[in-house]
Amino acid sequence: MTNETQGRVWLITGCSTGFGREVALAALAAGDRVMATARRPETLADLAEIGGDRVSTAALDVTDPASVQAAAQATLAVFGRIDVLVNNAGFTMIGAVEETSMEQLRSLMEVNFFGAAEVTKAIVPLMREQGSGTIVQMSSLGGRMTYPGLGGYDAAKHALEAFSEALSSELAPLGVRVLLVEPGMFRTKITDNMVLAPENPAYQATSGGLRQMVAATAGKEPGDPAKGAAAIIKVLDAENPPLRLVLGGDAVDALRAHHESLLADMVTWETLSRSTAMS
């Protein structure tokens, strides 16, 4: 059977909860096949039951290159190809820059950036050789702007955005697409595993305010991850998909205001900026 008659093959990281799980369900609903992965694959048993022979599961720790390669090879062994990669695995942390240890900063980068890069680099040659495919990077509103208390997490997402934008330009002539997904606040239970840095009272009014807001909204976030997953499917099916997909009205509003502020600053200081040219 051809790929067209069987549907696309997805390799998705971080499928135990949140967007990873919902994207897997949306892909199955679309008639596609899914390799669902997580550090603890036993958490994916219900997905396997739902999808039947269109779902396979595997252990995948994005910080372990051997685990990444094993999951990629397992996907090829079961389904024969990979059409869509979704880099969803990650974690978040709240802490002012001073509150955040270097070990914690490195861990954020290791999982949220280097982990996604590791998986991406494992799959790019396969997609390049077959001349098709889409790499979906689950970024964040924090990949485009940031708030007090999210400097470490958002730095990792900013790095992922730059990496992926360059990758998109490199792969487009080869038939492979990249999609950066930038959600705002979604009810994904991401706060269940959130790391909190030790508090310094000096930052009570800044990062401390974010801690309070996140605690107050946990479980009440406005975004529906199932609807977010459906939006991702819709973009993948579009004839002219964007490089970036912003998800959630809160993210749209915040990003619009952010860009308007950036533009206003550039216009205000444009004369000085241009004055630096050689005479």
Protein backbone atom coordinates (compact mmCIF):
# COMPACT_ATOMS: atom_id res chain seq x y z
CA MET A 1 0.00 0.00 0.00
CA THR A 2 1.21 3.49 -0.75
CA ASN A 3 1.68 6.21 1.78
CA GLU A 4 -1.28 8.07 0.26
CA THR A 5 -3.65 5.17 0.91
CA GLN A 6 -2.36 4.54 4.41
CA GLY A 7 -2.07 8.16 5.54
CA ARG A 8 0.91 10.08 6.84
CA VAL A 9 3.31 8.67 9.39
CA TRP A 10 3.93 10.83 12.46
CA LEU A 11 6.74 10.61 15.00
CA ILE A 12 5.73 12.61 18.07
CA THR A 13 7.78 13.23 21.21
CA GLY A 14 6.26 13.84 24.63
CA CYS A 15 2.92 12.10 24.03
CA SER A 16 2.00 11.28 27.60
CA THR A 17 0.03 14.50 28.14
CA GLY A 18 -0.81 17.88 26.63
CA PHE A 19 -0.20 18.81 23.04
CA GLY A 20 1.74 15.65 22.27
CA ARG A 21 -1.19 13.48 23.20
CA GLU A 22 -3.77 15.70 21.48
CA VAL A 23 -1.77 15.90 18.25
CA ALA A 24 -1.48 12.11 18.26
CA LEU A 25 -5.25 11.80 18.66
CA ALA A 26 -5.88 14.37 15.92
CA ALA A 27 -3.53 12.56 13.55
CA LEU A 28 -5.33 9.27 14.21
CA ALA A 29 -8.68 10.95 13.63
CA ALA A 30 -7.35 12.13 10.27
CA GLY A 31 -6.61 8.54 9.30
CA ASP A 32 -2.85 8.77 9.78
CA ARG A 33 -0.38 6.49 11.55
CA VAL A 34 1.51 7.48 14.68
CA MET A 35 4.65 6.53 16.52
CA ALA A 36 3.86 7.95 19.94
CA THR A 37 6.85 8.33 22.24
CA ALA A 38 7.58 9.32 25.80
CA ARG A 39 10.31 8.75 28.35
CA ARG A 40 7.95 6.28 30.01
CA PRO A 41 6.11 4.49 27.17
CA GLU A 42 3.83 2.70 29.62
CA THR A 43 1.92 6.00 29.91
CA LEU A 44 0.87 5.60 26.26
CA ALA A 45 -1.08 2.33 26.60
CA ASP A 46 -4.45 3.99 26.06
CA LEU A 47 -3.24 5.65 22.85
CA ALA A 48 -2.23 2.25 21.54
CA GLU A 49 -5.70 0.90 22.34
CA ILE A 50 -7.40 3.82 20.58
CA GLY A 51 -5.31 3.60 17.42
CA GLY A 52 -4.98 -0.13 17.06
CA ASP A 53 -2.47 -1.10 14.38
CA ARG A 54 -2.15 2.56 13.33
CA VAL A 55 -0.31 3.35 16.58
CA SER A 56 3.00 2.12 17.84
CA THR A 57 4.77 3.33 20.97
CA ALA A 58 8.41 3.68 21.92
CA ALA A 59 10.61 5.06 24.66
CA LEU A 60 12.30 8.30 23.68
CA ASP A 61 14.45 10.50 25.89
CA VAL A 62 15.38 13.55 23.80
CA THR A 63 18.53 14.08 25.86
CA ASP A 64 19.87 10.62 24.92
CA PRO A 65 21.15 10.38 21.31
CA ALA A 66 20.95 6.58 21.35
CA SER A 67 17.31 6.74 22.44
CA VAL A 68 16.54 9.21 19.65
CA GLN A 69 18.12 6.99 17.00
CA ALA A 70 16.36 3.91 18.36
CA ALA A 71 12.95 5.62 18.18
CA ALA A 72 13.60 6.79 14.62
CA GLN A 73 14.63 3.30 13.53
CA ALA A 74 11.63 1.77 15.31
CA THR A 75 9.32 4.10 13.37
CA LEU A 76 10.89 3.08 10.08
CA ALA A 77 10.71 -0.59 11.03
CA VAL A 78 6.99 -0.39 11.80
CA PHE A 79 5.73 2.15 9.26
CA GLY A 80 8.47 2.41 6.66
CA ARG A 81 8.78 6.20 6.59
CA ILE A 82 8.31 9.41 8.59
CA ASP A 83 6.19 12.20 7.10
CA VAL A 84 5.67 14.44 10.11
CA LEU A 85 7.95 14.96 13.09
CA VAL A 86 6.52 16.78 16.09
CA ASN A 87 9.06 17.96 18.67
CA ASN A 88 6.82 18.41 21.69
CA ALA A 89 8.83 17.07 24.64
CA GLY A 90 9.92 19.73 27.10
CA PHE A 91 9.41 21.33 30.47
CA THR A 92 9.02 24.83 31.85
CA MET A 93 10.43 26.69 34.80
CA ILE A 94 9.72 29.92 36.65
CA GLY A 95 12.54 31.91 38.18
CA ALA A 96 14.13 35.30 37.78
CA VAL A 97 17.53 35.14 36.10
CA GLU A 98 19.30 35.62 39.44
CA GLU A 99 17.12 32.95 41.05
CA THR A 100 17.90 30.40 38.33
CA SER A 101 21.03 28.29 38.74
CA MET A 102 23.36 27.60 35.85
CA GLU A 103 22.50 23.91 36.19
CA GLN A 104 18.83 24.74 35.72
CA LEU A 105 19.57 26.97 32.73
CA ARG A 106 21.58 24.20 31.10
CA SER A 107 18.80 21.69 31.78
CA LEU A 108 16.23 23.97 30.12
CA MET A 109 18.44 24.32 27.07
CA GLU A 110 19.29 20.60 27.03
CA VAL A 111 15.67 19.46 26.88
CA ASN A 112 13.83 22.30 25.15
CA PHE A 113 16.47 23.23 22.58
CA PHE A 114 19.21 20.61 22.23
CA GLY A 115 16.69 17.77 22.62
CA ALA A 116 14.56 19.12 19.78
CA ALA A 117 17.69 19.74 17.73
CA GLU A 118 18.88 16.15 18.31
CA VAL A 119 15.60 14.66 17.13
CA THR A 120 15.38 17.06 14.20
CA LYS A 121 18.87 16.22 12.98
CA ALA A 122 18.07 12.51 13.19
CA ILE A 123 15.01 12.89 10.96
CA VAL A 124 16.12 15.56 8.46
CA PRO A 125 18.21 13.16 6.32
CA LEU A 126 15.23 10.80 5.98
CA MET A 127 12.89 13.58 4.85
CA ARG A 128 15.52 15.08 2.57
CA GLU A 129 16.06 11.75 0.85
CA GLN A 130 12.34 11.16 0.34
CA GLY A 131 11.89 14.77 -0.81
CA SER A 132 8.96 15.49 1.49
CA GLY A 133 7.95 15.90 5.11
CA THR A 134 7.13 18.44 7.78
CA ILE A 135 8.97 19.20 11.00
CA VAL A 136 6.66 20.68 13.62
CA GLN A 137 8.45 22.47 16.44
CA MET A 138 6.29 23.09 19.48
CA SER A 139 7.61 26.47 20.53
CA SER A 140 5.69 28.99 22.61
CA LEU A 141 4.59 32.59 22.77
CA GLY A 142 7.84 32.69 24.78
CA GLY A 143 9.73 31.97 21.59
CA ARG A 144 8.93 35.46 20.37
CA MET A 145 8.73 37.51 23.58
CA THR A 146 9.28 36.98 27.28
CA TYR A 147 8.08 37.87 30.77
CA PRO A 148 9.85 38.31 34.13
CA GLY A 149 10.51 34.87 35.54
CA LEU A 150 10.70 33.04 32.22
CA GLY A 151 14.13 34.12 31.03
CA GLY A 152 15.60 30.60 31.01
CA TYR A 153 12.63 28.83 29.44
CA ASP A 154 12.06 31.53 26.85
CA ALA A 155 15.76 31.65 25.98
CA ALA A 156 15.52 27.98 24.99
CA LYS A 157 12.42 28.65 22.90
CA HIS A 158 14.05 31.69 21.25
CA ALA A 159 16.97 29.44 20.31
CA LEU A 160 14.58 26.87 18.86
CA GLU A 161 12.88 29.57 16.79
CA ALA A 162 16.15 30.81 15.27
CA PHE A 163 17.35 27.26 14.60
CA SER A 164 14.04 26.36 12.95
CA GLU A 165 13.79 29.51 10.84
CA ALA A 166 17.22 28.82 9.35
CA LEU A 167 16.29 25.15 8.91
CA SER A 168 13.14 26.14 7.03
CA SER A 169 15.14 28.15 4.51
CA GLU A 170 17.58 25.28 4.05
CA LEU A 171 14.95 22.58 3.57
CA ALA A 172 12.30 24.42 1.53
CA PRO A 173 14.10 23.85 -1.82
CA LEU A 174 14.31 20.15 -0.93
CA GLY A 175 10.58 19.69 -0.41
CA VAL A 176 10.64 19.62 3.42
CA ARG A 177 8.67 22.14 5.46
CA VAL A 178 9.06 23.50 8.98
CA LEU A 179 6.21 24.74 11.18
CA LEU A 180 6.80 26.64 14.42
CA VAL A 181 3.77 26.42 16.72
CA GLU A 182 3.52 29.22 19.29
CA PRO A 183 0.79 28.57 21.87
CA GLY A 184 -0.28 30.96 24.56
CA MET A 185 -1.90 29.57 27.72
CA PHE A 186 -3.44 26.14 27.09
CA ARG A 187 -4.92 23.62 29.49
CA THR A 188 -2.13 21.07 28.98
CA LYS A 189 -1.15 20.36 32.62
CA ILE A 190 2.29 21.77 31.84
CA THR A 191 2.31 23.37 35.29
CA ASP A 192 2.07 19.92 36.92
CA ASN A 193 5.75 19.35 36.19
CA MET A 194 6.88 22.97 36.33
CA VAL A 195 10.14 23.68 38.12
CA LEU A 196 10.12 26.61 40.54
CA ALA A 197 13.41 28.27 41.42
CA PRO A 198 13.96 29.32 45.05
CA GLU A 199 12.36 32.73 45.58
CA ASN A 200 14.31 35.90 46.25
CA PRO A 201 12.06 38.59 47.83
CA ALA A 202 13.75 41.23 45.65
CA TYR A 203 11.76 39.86 42.69
CA GLN A 204 8.38 39.62 44.38
CA ALA A 205 6.89 42.31 42.13
CA THR A 206 8.25 40.85 38.88
CA SER A 207 8.83 37.11 38.61
CA GLY A 208 6.87 36.73 41.84
CA GLY A 209 3.85 38.16 40.07
CA LEU A 210 4.18 35.54 37.35
CA ARG A 211 4.32 32.77 39.94
CA GLN A 212 1.06 34.02 41.44
CA MET A 213 -0.63 34.34 38.04
CA VAL A 214 0.37 30.84 36.97
CA ALA A 215 -0.81 29.36 40.26
CA ALA A 216 -4.15 31.17 39.96
CA THR A 217 -4.80 30.09 36.38
CA ALA A 218 -3.57 26.47 36.57
CA GLY A 219 -6.37 24.30 35.21
CA LYS A 220 -8.27 27.38 34.03
CA GLU A 221 -6.16 28.33 31.01
CA PRO A 222 -8.25 29.60 28.09
CA GLY A 223 -6.77 27.40 25.35
CA ASP A 224 -8.19 24.00 24.44
CA PRO A 225 -5.31 21.69 23.38
CA ALA A 226 -7.64 19.52 21.28
CA LYS A 227 -8.63 22.58 19.24
CA GLY A 228 -4.97 23.57 19.05
CA ALA A 229 -4.09 20.13 17.66
CA ALA A 230 -6.89 20.43 15.10
CA ALA A 231 -5.46 23.78 14.01
CA ILE A 232 -2.04 22.19 13.49
CA ILE A 233 -3.61 19.50 11.27
CA LYS A 234 -5.41 22.19 9.28
CA VAL A 235 -2.17 24.10 8.67
CA LEU A 236 -0.34 20.95 7.61
CA ASP A 237 -3.07 20.36 5.02
CA ALA A 238 -2.91 23.95 3.73
CA GLU A 239 -1.50 24.67 0.29
CA ASN A 240 0.59 27.61 1.51
CA PRO A 241 1.25 27.04 5.23
CA PRO A 242 2.96 29.69 7.35
CA LEU A 243 6.31 29.25 9.03
CA ARG A 244 4.72 30.25 12.33
CA LEU A 245 1.31 29.39 13.76
CA VAL A 246 0.24 31.42 16.80
CA LEU A 247 -2.32 29.57 18.91
CA GLY A 248 -4.76 31.28 21.28
CA GLY A 249 -6.34 34.70 21.40
CA ASP A 250 -4.14 35.63 24.35
CA ALA A 251 -1.04 34.87 22.29
CA VAL A 252 -2.31 36.82 19.27
CA ASP A 253 -3.08 39.88 21.41
CA ALA A 254 0.21 39.75 23.32
CA LEU A 255 2.31 39.25 20.21
CA ARG A 256 0.57 42.03 18.31
CA ALA A 257 1.20 44.46 21.18
CA HIS A 258 4.82 43.30 21.42
CA HIS A 259 5.50 43.87 17.74
CA GLU A 260 3.81 47.25 17.81
CA SER A 261 6.10 48.22 20.70
CA LEU A 262 9.19 46.99 18.82
CA LEU A 263 8.17 48.95 15.73
CA ALA A 264 7.50 52.10 17.76
CA ASP A 265 10.96 51.92 19.35
CA MET A 266 12.63 51.40 16.00
CA VAL A 267 10.81 54.36 14.46
CA THR A 268 11.60 56.60 17.45
CA TRP A 269 15.32 55.84 17.22
CA GLU A 270 15.57 55.36 13.46
CA THR A 271 17.48 58.59 12.82
CA LEU A 272 20.13 57.68 15.39
CA SER A 273 20.33 54.12 14.06
CA ARG A 274 20.95 55.34 10.51
CA SER A 275 23.49 57.96 11.66
CA THR A 276 26.09 55.23 12.23
CA ALA A 277 26.81 54.82 8.50
CA MET A 278 30.29 55.65 7.23
CA SER A 279 30.51 59.27 6.04
